[in-house]
Structure formats: structure tokens, C-alpha cells
C-alpha atoms as a PDB file:
ATOM      1  CA  MET A   1      47.709 119.834  88.649  1.00  0.00           C
ATOM      2  CA  ALA A   2      50.981 121.881  90.334  1.00  0.00           C
ATOM      3  CA  ASP A   3      52.986 124.111  88.254  1.00  0.00           C
ATOM      4  CA  GLY A   4      55.921 121.976  88.186  1.00  0.00           C
ATOM      5  CA  PHE A   5      57.567 118.689  89.136  1.00  0.00           C
ATOM      6  CA  ARG A   6      61.034 118.050  91.249  1.00  0.00           C
ATOM      7  CA  LEU A   7      63.037 115.827  88.701  1.00  0.00           C
ATOM      8  CA  GLY A   8      65.907 112.989  90.179  1.00  0.00           C
ATOM      9  CA  LEU A   9      68.721 111.512  87.805  1.00  0.00           C
ATOM     10  CA  VAL A  10      70.298 108.576  89.216  1.00  0.00           C
ATOM     11  CA  GLN A  11      73.883 108.825  87.830  1.00  0.00           C
ATOM     12  CA  MET A  12      75.599 105.835  88.608  1.00  0.00           C
ATOM     13  CA  LYS A  13      78.249 102.854  87.830  1.00  0.00           C
ATOM     14  CA  CYS A  14      76.901  99.542  86.788  1.00  0.00           C
ATOM     15  CA  GLY A  15      78.927  96.465  87.774  1.00  0.00           C
ATOM     16  CA  THR A  16      79.089  92.933  86.982  1.00  0.00           C
ATOM     17  CA  ASP A  17      75.863  91.565  89.230  1.00  0.00           C
ATOM     18  CA  PRO A  18      72.739  92.590  88.151  1.00  0.00           C
ATOM     19  CA  ALA A  19      70.896  92.222  91.480  1.00  0.00           C
ATOM     20  CA  ALA A  20      73.770  94.267  92.997  1.00  0.00           C
ATOM     21  CA  ASN A  21      73.065  97.000  90.635  1.00  0.00           C
ATOM     22  CA  MET A  22      69.181  96.812  91.132  1.00  0.00           C
ATOM     23  CA  GLU A  23      69.951  97.033  94.712  1.00  0.00           C
ATOM     24  CA  VAL A  24      71.869 100.384  94.288  1.00  0.00           C
ATOM     25  CA  ALA A  25      69.429 101.639  91.711  1.00  0.00           C
ATOM     26  CA  VAL A  26      66.421 101.032  94.386  1.00  0.00           C
ATOM     27  CA  GLY A  27      68.456 102.765  97.102  1.00  0.00           C
ATOM     28  CA  ARG A  28      69.084 105.533  94.943  1.00  0.00           C
ATOM     29  CA  ILE A  29      65.426 106.357  94.171  1.00  0.00           C
ATOM     30  CA  ARG A  30      64.659 105.922  97.994  1.00  0.00           C
ATOM     31  CA  GLU A  31      67.455 108.254  98.395  1.00  0.00           C
ATOM     32  CA  ALA A  32      65.488 110.886  95.516  1.00  0.00           C
ATOM     33  CA  ALA A  33      62.219 110.953  96.801  1.00  0.00           C
ATOM     34  CA  LYS A  34      63.521 111.707 100.483  1.00  0.00           C
ATOM     35  CA  GLN A  35      65.218 114.901  98.642  1.00  0.00           C
ATOM     36  CA  GLY A  36      61.453 115.627  96.981  1.00  0.00           C
ATOM     37  CA  ALA A  37      62.221 114.002  93.628  1.00  0.00           C
ATOM     38  CA  GLN A  38      58.984 112.824  91.911  1.00  0.00           C
ATOM     39  CA  ILE A  39      60.229 111.720  88.522  1.00  0.00           C
ATOM     40  CA  VAL A  40      63.000 109.706  89.291  1.00  0.00           C
ATOM     41  CA  CYS A  41      65.445 108.434  86.041  1.00  0.00           C
ATOM     42  CA  LEU A  42      67.698 105.672  85.472  1.00  0.00           C
ATOM     43  CA  PRO A  43      70.503 105.133  82.804  1.00  0.00           C
ATOM     44  CA  GLU A  44      70.441 103.113  80.299  1.00  0.00           C
ATOM     45  CA  LEU A  45      70.473  99.325  80.757  1.00  0.00           C
ATOM     46  CA  PHE A  46      71.610  99.485  84.166  1.00  0.00           C
ATOM     47  CA  LEU A  47      71.753  96.394  85.406  1.00  0.00           C
ATOM     48  CA  SER A  48      75.002  95.238  84.068  1.00  0.00           C
ATOM     49  CA  PRO A  49      78.204  96.935  82.447  1.00  0.00           C
ATOM     50  CA  TYR A  50      77.607  98.160  79.086  1.00  0.00           C
ATOM     51  CA  PHE A  51      77.680  94.776  77.166  1.00  0.00           C
ATOM     52  CA  CYS A  52      77.705  96.080  73.658  1.00  0.00           C
ATOM     53  CA  LYS A  53      80.941  96.736  73.372  1.00  0.00           C
ATOM     54  CA  VAL A  54      81.976  92.913  72.076  1.00  0.00           C
ATOM     55  CA  HIS A  55      79.976  90.342  69.921  1.00  0.00           C
ATOM     56  CA  ASP A  56      78.926  87.371  72.285  1.00  0.00           C
ATOM     57  CA  ILE A  57      76.187  85.378  72.160  1.00  0.00           C
ATOM     58  CA  ASN A  58      75.972  84.340  75.966  1.00  0.00           C
ATOM     59  CA  LEU A  59      75.094  88.102  76.913  1.00  0.00           C
ATOM     60  CA  PHE A  60      71.703  86.827  75.467  1.00  0.00           C
ATOM     61  CA  ASP A  61      71.096  85.504  78.860  1.00  0.00           C
ATOM     62  CA  LEU A  62      71.422  88.816  80.686  1.00  0.00           C
ATOM     63  CA  ALA A  63      67.520  89.950  78.747  1.00  0.00           C
ATOM     64  CA  GLU A  64      64.855  89.138  80.356  1.00  0.00           C
ATOM     65  CA  GLU A  65      60.751  89.391  79.656  1.00  0.00           C
ATOM     66  CA  ILE A  66      58.586  92.585  80.346  1.00  0.00           C
ATOM     67  CA  PRO A  67      56.908  92.154  82.788  1.00  0.00           C
ATOM     68  CA  GLY A  68      59.061  89.893  84.936  1.00  0.00           C
ATOM     69  CA  PRO A  69      60.751  89.997  88.332  1.00  0.00           C
ATOM     70  CA  ARG A  70      62.958  93.153  87.640  1.00  0.00           C
ATOM     71  CA  THR A  71      60.466  94.899  86.721  1.00  0.00           C
ATOM     72  CA  GLY A  72      58.667  93.671  89.342  1.00  0.00           C
ATOM     73  CA  ARG A  73      60.953  95.275  91.856  1.00  0.00           C
ATOM     74  CA  LEU A  74      60.970  98.711  90.127  1.00  0.00           C
ATOM     75  CA  SER A  75      57.208  98.916  90.583  1.00  0.00           C
ATOM     76  CA  ALA A  76      57.484  98.259  94.265  1.00  0.00           C
ATOM     77  CA  VAL A  77      59.502 101.076  94.980  1.00  0.00           C
ATOM     78  CA  ALA A  78      57.735 103.476  92.668  1.00  0.00           C
ATOM     79  CA  LYS A  79      55.180 102.288  94.892  1.00  0.00           C
ATOM     80  CA  GLU A  80      56.900 102.689  97.653  1.00  0.00           C
ATOM     81  CA  THR A  81      58.206 105.880  97.362  1.00  0.00           C
ATOM     82  CA  GLY A  82      55.202 107.502  95.592  1.00  0.00           C
ATOM     83  CA  THR A  83      57.734 108.192  92.715  1.00  0.00           C
ATOM     84  CA  VAL A  84      57.599 107.771  88.823  1.00  0.00           C
ATOM     85  CA  VAL A  85      60.423 105.519  87.601  1.00  0.00           C
ATOM     86  CA  VAL A  86      62.013 105.515  84.459  1.00  0.00           C
ATOM     87  CA  ALA A  87      63.897 102.454  83.925  1.00  0.00           C
ATOM     88  CA  SER A  88      65.961 101.119  80.895  1.00  0.00           C
ATOM     89  CA  LEU A  89      66.249  97.058  80.276  1.00  0.00           C
ATOM     90  CA  PHE A  90      67.383  94.700  78.273  1.00  0.00           C
ATOM     91  CA  GLU A  91      63.876  93.357  77.079  1.00  0.00           C
ATOM     92  CA  LYS A  92      63.769  89.632  75.699  1.00  0.00           C
ATOM     93  CA  LYS A  93      60.774  89.390  73.426  1.00  0.00           C
ATOM     94  CA  MET A  94      61.352  86.058  72.481  1.00  0.00           C
ATOM     95  CA  ALA A  95      64.946  83.829  71.895  1.00  0.00           C
ATOM     96  CA  GLY A  96      66.856  85.448  69.395  1.00  0.00           C
ATOM     97  CA  LEU A  97      64.545  89.158  69.504  1.00  0.00           C
ATOM     98  CA  CYS A  98      65.436  91.805  71.826  1.00  0.00           C
ATOM     99  CA  PHE A  99      64.858  95.235  72.200  1.00  0.00           C
ATOM    100  CA  ASN A 100      66.482  98.472  74.474  1.00  0.00           C
ATOM    101  CA  THR A 101      63.251  99.255  76.148  1.00  0.00           C
ATOM    102  CA  ALA A 102      62.669 102.407  78.370  1.00  0.00           C
ATOM    103  CA  VAL A 103      60.017 100.972  81.253  1.00  0.00           C
ATOM    104  CA  VAL A 104      57.677 103.794  82.882  1.00  0.00           C
ATOM    105  CA  PHE A 105      56.021 103.331  86.327  1.00  0.00           C
ATOM    106  CA  ASP A 106      53.641 105.641  87.675  1.00  0.00           C
ATOM    107  CA  ALA A 107      53.830 106.824  91.520  1.00  0.00           C
ATOM    108  CA  ASP A 108      51.217 104.226  92.636  1.00  0.00           C
ATOM    109  CA  GLY A 109      53.859 100.954  91.442  1.00  0.00           C
ATOM    110  CA  THR A 110      51.571 100.805  87.615  1.00  0.00           C
ATOM    111  CA  MET A 111      53.660 100.014  84.996  1.00  0.00           C
ATOM    112  CA  MET A 112      52.287 102.372  82.316  1.00  0.00           C
ATOM    113  CA  GLY A 113      53.684 101.105  79.886  1.00  0.00           C
ATOM    114  CA  ILE A 114      57.142 100.449  77.892  1.00  0.00           C
ATOM    115  CA  TYR A 115      58.935 102.571  75.215  1.00  0.00           C
ATOM    116  CA  ARG A 116      61.684 100.725  72.671  1.00  0.00           C
ATOM    117  CA  LYS A 117      64.354 102.404  71.378  1.00  0.00           C
ATOM    118  CA  MET A 118      64.209 103.437  68.094  1.00  0.00           C
ATOM    119  CA  HIS A 119      67.507 104.083  66.378  1.00  0.00           C
ATOM    120  CA  ILE A 120      70.448 101.672  67.077  1.00  0.00           C
ATOM    121  CA  PRO A 121      74.168 102.173  66.596  1.00  0.00           C
ATOM    122  CA  HIS A 122      76.444 100.143  65.305  1.00  0.00           C
ATOM    123  CA  ASP A 123      79.998 101.643  65.862  1.00  0.00           C
ATOM    124  CA  PRO A 124      83.374 100.429  67.488  1.00  0.00           C
ATOM    125  CA  LEU A 125      82.443  99.103  71.111  1.00  0.00           C
ATOM    126  CA  TYR A 126      78.897 100.152  70.361  1.00  0.00           C
ATOM    127  CA  PHE A 127      77.769  97.039  68.562  1.00  0.00           C
ATOM    128  CA  GLU A 128      74.044  96.873  69.471  1.00  0.00           C
ATOM    129  CA  LYS A 129      72.816  95.794  66.303  1.00  0.00           C
ATOM    130  CA  TYR A 130      73.936  92.606  67.293  1.00  0.00           C
ATOM    131  CA  PHE A 131      71.602  92.469  70.253  1.00  0.00           C
ATOM    132  CA  PHE A 132      68.578  94.586  69.758  1.00  0.00           C
ATOM    133  CA  ARG A 133      66.122  95.056  66.907  1.00  0.00           C
ATOM    134  CA  PRO A 134      64.938  98.820  66.418  1.00  0.00           C
ATOM    135  CA  GLY A 135      61.735  99.427  68.277  1.00  0.00           C
ATOM    136  CA  ASP A 136      58.685  98.912  66.896  1.00  0.00           C
ATOM    137  CA  LEU A 137      56.009 100.583  68.908  1.00  0.00           C
ATOM    138  CA  GLY A 138      56.813 104.266  67.813  1.00  0.00           C
ATOM    139  CA  PHE A 139      57.244 107.057  69.919  1.00  0.00           C
ATOM    140  CA  LYS A 140      55.579 107.263  73.314  1.00  0.00           C
ATOM    141  CA  VAL A 141      54.572 109.681  75.921  1.00  0.00           C
ATOM    142  CA  PHE A 142      53.599 108.636  79.060  1.00  0.00           C
ATOM    143  CA  PRO A 143      50.831 111.110  81.061  1.00  0.00           C
ATOM    144  CA  THR A 144      52.002 110.241  85.008  1.00  0.00           C
ATOM    145  CA  LYS A 145      50.953 111.280  87.616  1.00  0.00           C
ATOM    146  CA  PHE A 146      53.515 114.274  87.927  1.00  0.00           C
ATOM    147  CA  GLY A 147      54.018 115.182  84.552  1.00  0.00           C
ATOM    148  CA  LYS A 148      53.725 113.862  80.881  1.00  0.00           C
ATOM    149  CA  VAL A 149      57.278 112.068  80.391  1.00  0.00           C
ATOM    150  CA  GLY A 150      58.481 111.526  76.841  1.00  0.00           C
ATOM    151  CA  THR A 151      61.036 108.664  76.578  1.00  0.00           C
ATOM    152  CA  LEU A 152      63.596 108.094  74.479  1.00  0.00           C
ATOM    153  CA  VAL A 153      66.797 106.269  74.633  1.00  0.00           C
ATOM    154  CA  CYS A 154      70.855 107.081  73.822  1.00  0.00           C
ATOM    155  CA  TRP A 155      71.458 107.162  70.251  1.00  0.00           C
ATOM    156  CA  ASP A 156      67.937 108.445  69.861  1.00  0.00           C
ATOM    157  CA  GLN A 157      69.407 111.909  71.390  1.00  0.00           C
ATOM    158  CA  TRP A 158      70.971 112.615  67.906  1.00  0.00           C
ATOM    159  CA  PHE A 159      67.825 112.989  65.645  1.00  0.00           C
ATOM    160  CA  PRO A 160      65.565 115.749  65.900  1.00  0.00           C
ATOM    161  CA  GLU A 161      62.793 113.997  64.579  1.00  0.00           C
ATOM    162  CA  GLY A 162      62.606 111.890  67.507  1.00  0.00           C
ATOM    163  CA  ALA A 163      62.340 114.962  70.180  1.00  0.00           C
ATOM    164  CA  ARG A 164      60.253 116.411  67.803  1.00  0.00           C
ATOM    165  CA  ILE A 165      57.177 113.971  67.753  1.00  0.00           C
ATOM    166  CA  THR A 166      57.409 113.074  71.343  1.00  0.00           C
ATOM    167  CA  ALA A 167      56.980 116.847  72.080  1.00  0.00           C
ATOM    168  CA  LEU A 168      54.254 116.872  69.568  1.00  0.00           C
ATOM    169  CA  LYS A 169      52.369 114.089  71.355  1.00  0.00           C
ATOM    170  CA  GLY A 170      52.409 116.175  74.384  1.00  0.00           C
ATOM    171  CA  ALA A 171      55.747 115.646  76.155  1.00  0.00           C
ATOM    172  CA  GLU A 172      56.687 118.099  79.049  1.00  0.00           C
ATOM    173  CA  LEU A 173      59.883 116.123  79.510  1.00  0.00           C
ATOM    174  CA  LEU A 174      61.904 114.462  77.491  1.00  0.00           C
ATOM    175  CA  VAL A 175      64.092 111.580  79.063  1.00  0.00           C
ATOM    176  CA  TYR A 176      67.329 110.009  77.246  1.00  0.00           C
ATOM    177  CA  PRO A 177      68.394 106.887  79.411  1.00  0.00           C
ATOM    178  CA  THR A 178      72.079 107.139  78.121  1.00  0.00           C
ATOM    179  CA  ALA A 179      75.415 104.911  78.004  1.00  0.00           C
ATOM    180  CA  ILE A 180      78.014 106.986  76.457  1.00  0.00           C
ATOM    181  CA  GLY A 181      81.864 107.421  77.039  1.00  0.00           C
ATOM    182  CA  TRP A 182      84.772 107.561  75.724  1.00  0.00           C
ATOM    183  CA  HIS A 183      87.315 105.819  73.807  1.00  0.00           C
ATOM    184  CA  PRO A 184      90.770 106.152  75.791  1.00  0.00           C
ATOM    185  CA  LYS A 185      92.996 106.597  73.301  1.00  0.00           C
ATOM    186  CA  GLU A 186      90.520 109.336  71.710  1.00  0.00           C
ATOM    187  CA  LYS A 187      89.815 111.303  74.611  1.00  0.00           C
ATOM    188  CA  ALA A 188      92.637 114.186  74.786  1.00  0.00           C
ATOM    189  CA  GLU A 189      92.338 114.899  71.398  1.00  0.00           C
ATOM    190  CA  PHE A 190      87.939 114.529  70.402  1.00  0.00           C
ATOM    191  CA  GLY A 191      87.005 114.129  74.174  1.00  0.00           C
ATOM    192  CA  LYS A 192      86.030 117.754  74.898  1.00  0.00           C
ATOM    193  CA  SER A 193      84.384 118.267  71.446  1.00  0.00           C
ATOM    194  CA  GLN A 194      82.613 114.918  71.901  1.00  0.00           C
ATOM    195  CA  HIS A 195      81.001 115.759  75.010  1.00  0.00           C
ATOM    196  CA  ASP A 196      80.331 119.369  73.956  1.00  0.00           C
ATOM    197  CA  ALA A 197      78.475 117.891  70.821  1.00  0.00           C
ATOM    198  CA  TRP A 198      76.387 115.201  72.770  1.00  0.00           C
ATOM    199  CA  GLU A 199      75.336 118.352  75.261  1.00  0.00           C
ATOM    200  CA  THR A 200      74.281 120.839  72.542  1.00  0.00           C
ATOM    201  CA  ILE A 201      72.404 118.544  70.557  1.00  0.00           C
ATOM    202  CA  GLN A 202      70.027 117.832  73.357  1.00  0.00           C
ATOM    203  CA  ARG A 203      69.836 121.251  74.646  1.00  0.00           C
ATOM    204  CA  SER A 204      68.836 122.180  71.097  1.00  0.00           C
ATOM    205  CA  HIS A 205      65.846 119.816  71.503  1.00  0.00           C
ATOM    206  CA  ALA A 206      64.887 121.661  74.316  1.00  0.00           C
ATOM    207  CA  ILE A 207      64.876 125.180  72.724  1.00  0.00           C
ATOM    208  CA  ALA A 208      63.343 123.422  69.446  1.00  0.00           C
ATOM    209  CA  ASN A 209      60.556 121.937  71.021  1.00  0.00           C
ATOM    210  CA  GLY A 210      60.157 124.090  74.351  1.00  0.00           C
ATOM    211  CA  VAL A 211      60.315 121.258  76.603  1.00  0.00           C
ATOM    212  CA  TYR A 212      62.628 120.075  79.738  1.00  0.00           C
ATOM    213  CA  VAL A 213      65.561 117.525  78.341  1.00  0.00           C
ATOM    214  CA  ALA A 214      67.376 115.152  80.860  1.00  0.00           C
ATOM    215  CA  ALA A 215      70.150 112.848  80.074  1.00  0.00           C
ATOM    216  CA  ILE A 216      70.996 110.185  82.361  1.00  0.00           C
ATOM    217  CA  ASN A 217      74.355 108.915  81.885  1.00  0.00           C
ATOM    218  CA  ARG A 218      76.377 106.173  83.826  1.00  0.00           C
ATOM    219  CA  VAL A 219      80.376 106.700  84.836  1.00  0.00           C
ATOM    220  CA  GLY A 220      83.331 104.446  85.362  1.00  0.00           C
ATOM    221  CA  PHE A 221      85.687 102.776  83.398  1.00  0.00           C
ATOM    222  CA  GLU A 222      84.437  99.401  81.550  1.00  0.00           C
ATOM    223  CA  PRO A 223      87.438  97.608  80.039  1.00  0.00           C
ATOM    224  CA  SER A 224      87.078  95.397  76.855  1.00  0.00           C
ATOM    225  CA  PRO A 225      89.506  93.485  74.616  1.00  0.00           C
ATOM    226  CA  GLU A 226      89.849  97.039  72.400  1.00  0.00           C
ATOM    227  CA  GLY A 227      90.498  98.730  75.442  1.00  0.00           C
ATOM    228  CA  GLY A 228      87.140  99.817  76.963  1.00  0.00           C
ATOM    229  CA  LEU A 229      85.213 102.753  77.465  1.00  0.00           C
ATOM    230  CA  GLU A 230      85.245 105.569  80.150  1.00  0.00           C
ATOM    231  CA  PHE A 231      81.763 106.545  80.728  1.00  0.00           C
ATOM    232  CA  TRP A 232      81.577 110.392  81.329  1.00  0.00           C
ATOM    233  CA  GLY A 233      78.740 110.730  83.186  1.00  0.00           C
ATOM    234  CA  ALA A 234      77.628 114.753  83.285  1.00  0.00           C
ATOM    235  CA  SER A 235      73.866 113.658  83.548  1.00  0.00           C
ATOM    236  CA  PHE A 236      72.034 117.091  83.103  1.00  0.00           C
ATOM    237  CA  VAL A 237      68.780 118.953  82.895  1.00  0.00           C
ATOM    238  CA  SER A 238      67.906 121.669  80.407  1.00  0.00           C
ATOM    239  CA  ASP A 239      65.122 124.008  80.757  1.00  0.00           C
ATOM    240  CA  PRO A 240      62.820 124.799  77.581  1.00  0.00           C
ATOM    241  CA  PHE A 241      65.129 127.439  76.204  1.00  0.00           C
ATOM    242  CA  GLY A 242      68.114 125.495  76.592  1.00  0.00           C
ATOM    243  CA  VAL A 243      69.398 126.760  79.897  1.00  0.00           C
ATOM    244  CA  LEU A 244      71.277 124.117  81.433  1.00  0.00           C
ATOM    245  CA  LEU A 245      69.934 123.847  85.095  1.00  0.00           C
ATOM    246  CA  LYS A 246      72.215 121.273  86.510  1.00  0.00           C
ATOM    247  CA  ARG A 247      75.164 119.053  85.203  1.00  0.00           C
ATOM    248  CA  GLY A 248      76.748 116.273  87.166  1.00  0.00           C
ATOM    249  CA  SER A 249      80.703 115.105  87.336  1.00  0.00           C
ATOM    250  CA  HIS A 250      82.243 113.442  84.774  1.00  0.00           C
ATOM    251  CA  SER A 251      83.388 110.895  87.390  1.00  0.00           C
ATOM    252  CA  ASP A 252      81.393 110.577  90.150  1.00  0.00           C
ATOM    253  CA  GLU A 253      78.157 108.541  91.421  1.00  0.00           C
ATOM    254  CA  GLU A 254      75.667 111.156  92.362  1.00  0.00           C
ATOM    255  CA  LEU A 255      72.101 112.386  92.315  1.00  0.00           C
ATOM    256  CA  ILE A 256      70.930 115.418  89.875  1.00  0.00           C
ATOM    257  CA  ILE A 257      67.817 116.930  91.208  1.00  0.00           C
ATOM    258  CA  THR A 258      66.407 120.237  89.943  1.00  0.00           C
ATOM    259  CA  GLU A 259      62.827 121.692  89.675  1.00  0.00           C
ATOM    260  CA  CYS A 260      61.228 122.081  86.661  1.00  0.00           C
ATOM    261  CA  SER A 261      58.386 124.443  85.903  1.00  0.00           C
ATOM    262  CA  ARG A 262      55.032 124.260  83.742  1.00  0.00           C
ATOM    263  CA  ALA A 263      55.140 128.317  83.885  1.00  0.00           C
ATOM    264  CA  ARG A 264      58.508 128.869  82.239  1.00  0.00           C
ATOM    265  CA  MET A 265      57.847 125.912  79.622  1.00  0.00           C
ATOM    266  CA  ASN A 266      54.695 127.807  78.598  1.00  0.00           C
ATOM    267  CA  ASP A 267      56.768 131.387  78.709  1.00  0.00           C
ATOM    268  CA  VAL A 268      59.036 129.709  76.544  1.00  0.00           C
ATOM    269  CA  ARG A 269      56.464 128.787  74.078  1.00  0.00           C
ATOM    270  CA  ARG A 270      54.451 131.921  74.090  1.00  0.00           C
ATOM    271  CA  ASN A 271      57.776 133.770  73.170  1.00  0.00           C
ATOM    272  CA  TRP A 272      59.112 131.528  70.501  1.00  0.00           C
ATOM    273  CA  PRO A 273      56.248 129.552  68.759  1.00  0.00           C
ATOM    274  CA  PHE A 274      57.797 127.462  66.801  1.00  0.00           C
ATOM    275  CA  PHE A 275      55.156 125.208  66.837  1.00  0.00           C
ATOM    276  CA  ARG A 276      53.108 127.774  65.457  1.00  0.00           C
ATOM    277  CA  ASP A 277      55.237 128.665  62.448  1.00  0.00           C
ATOM    278  CA  ARG A 278      56.305 125.052  61.425  1.00  0.00           C
ATOM    279  CA  ARG A 279      55.515 124.751  57.686  1.00  0.00           C
ATOM    280  CA  THR A 280      53.669 121.166  57.447  1.00  0.00           C
ATOM    281  CA  ASP A 281      52.961 121.458  54.256  1.00  0.00           C
ATOM    282  CA  ALA A 282      56.665 121.769  53.140  1.00  0.00           C
ATOM    283  CA  TYR A 283      58.029 118.963  55.277  1.00  0.00           C
ATOM    284  CA  LYS A 284      57.193 115.645  53.184  1.00  0.00           C
ATOM    285  CA  GLU A 285      60.375 115.209  51.803  1.00  0.00           C
ATOM    286  CA  ILE A 286      62.087 114.647  55.139  1.00  0.00           C
ATOM    287  CA  THR A 287      60.808 111.082  54.701  1.00  0.00           C
ATOM    288  CA  ARG A 288      62.657 110.390  51.994  1.00  0.00           C
ATOM    289  CA  VAL A 289      66.209 108.640  52.565  1.00  0.00           C
ATOM    290  CA  THR A 290      68.231 111.160  49.840  1.00  0.00           C
ATOM    291  CA  LEU A 291      67.076 114.242  47.941  1.00  0.00           C
ATOM    292  CA  GLU A 292      69.736 113.909  45.476  1.00  0.00           C
END
């Protein structure tokens, strides 16, 4: 296997027409491949605006079974471009039972499997518990042609346990398809600290686990009766010691493309051997809800 891989993140706006969003994503995958990307990742729920801002039963019509026509389209472009593709979809298992799901396609178009988002938020304008059941497949790593990809999704990024387990399963790269933004009324007071916390927690996962971490966010303002969300973009890649390799803007659609080196990962892990020094005999309490 080569020393590393070239990673591409698709930072995009997501309109109201799923077919149009798909064509934009397919075009960006092709463009990333032309720039040498070998693993290409799309934002969370990229086929529509972030619909979890409201409780609306009709929005379940956006869900699709997996496999289905949309996974077929993504499989075809993965094969066409020879790239690994990570895509985030609204999965319908049956009526009334849906998941927030990441799908991984290998470079020959094979659908390697799915990861269902484990941590589901329920906050103002992020009413995901209305739409999604928590994931039932555990944490996943996919041994693709170009690297071992661990898939986590958005709210998962705040939980060190998910990153640790995925790294222990052999991931070289943790990807976090994301839809996160500012409440416009809060941006002036809290916007910078919110974004800083979001980036810091994920870079800390890179350091603690000696892996590359990539967050792939959307951009643009999406309205709602409560004022809407301004998605802050800033998709980024961190190296295994938390060094920021590349970051997108807060407002523009763009491709973030960078190199990831296995030699760098090995060097960091040898010099900072956190896995060696873990005290697994002392961690049983972590599975308890409270220690009071």
C-alpha cells in the first residue's frame, strides 16, 4: 500500500431539489478526482436542506431505502472516477423507522457498507430525534482501496468514545459528514466560540488517536419559522497530531483537497504512544450513566 492517500472534501450548498443536489455532488466528485483525490466525502444529508429544523411528517418522503436509486448513482460515479466515496443519506428502513446513514463506496463502485449515526441530537432547530432512530450497527471501519475509513456523523463528533472505538478498530481516517451552523441571533455573541469548540474537539480526536480527521460541512443560510440556520462551512482536515492541514471558508462552496501520510501517522503514534499507555483495567466506570 502506498505511503498515503489524497483526500477531497466537498463543501456545498444544499437546495430544495434532491436530483439537482445529486448532480452537483456528482460533478464535485468528478472535479475532485481530476485534482487527484482518492477518497471523496460529502456533507451530512446533502440531498436536501437540513430538514430537521422543523417537525413535519411530510419530510419523511425524503427518505429512501438502501440500496436504492441514489446509492446506485453514487456507486456509478465512484466506479467512473476510481474514487472512494463517502455519502450521507436519509435511510428509510420501513415506514416510521429511519436512520441518518453514511454509505461507503469503494473505488470500483462496490457499496462496502453503511454506518448509522449513533448519537442523535435534539436541540432548537436540530430536531433529529423526531426523524432518526439511533444507530444499531455500532462503530464501523471500511478497508477501502486507498485507506481504512472510519465513518462517524455530525453530533458523533462531540463524543470521544466513538472516535476511540473507531480508531481501535483500525481506522486511519475519521470522517464526520456534518450539518452545523449558527442561529443568526446568537452568532455575534457566541459564533466564534461555538466554531472554535467544534474544530477543537475534532482535532483532539486526531491527537488522542493518532489518526487523520476530516469534517465536511455545508454552507449557506437555510430559513425556518424560528429564524433558520447559517451553516458555517469551515470543512477541514487535521493530521494525527492536530495540525490543521487545510480549512474551507465559512461561506463558499469549494473543494478541500490534501495529502494524508501514513508515515506521519506512524511517527506520531510512536512518539506519543497513547494506545500503549491506556489503562483498560481501570475504565469500567465509563459505561455507567453517572458515578454519583
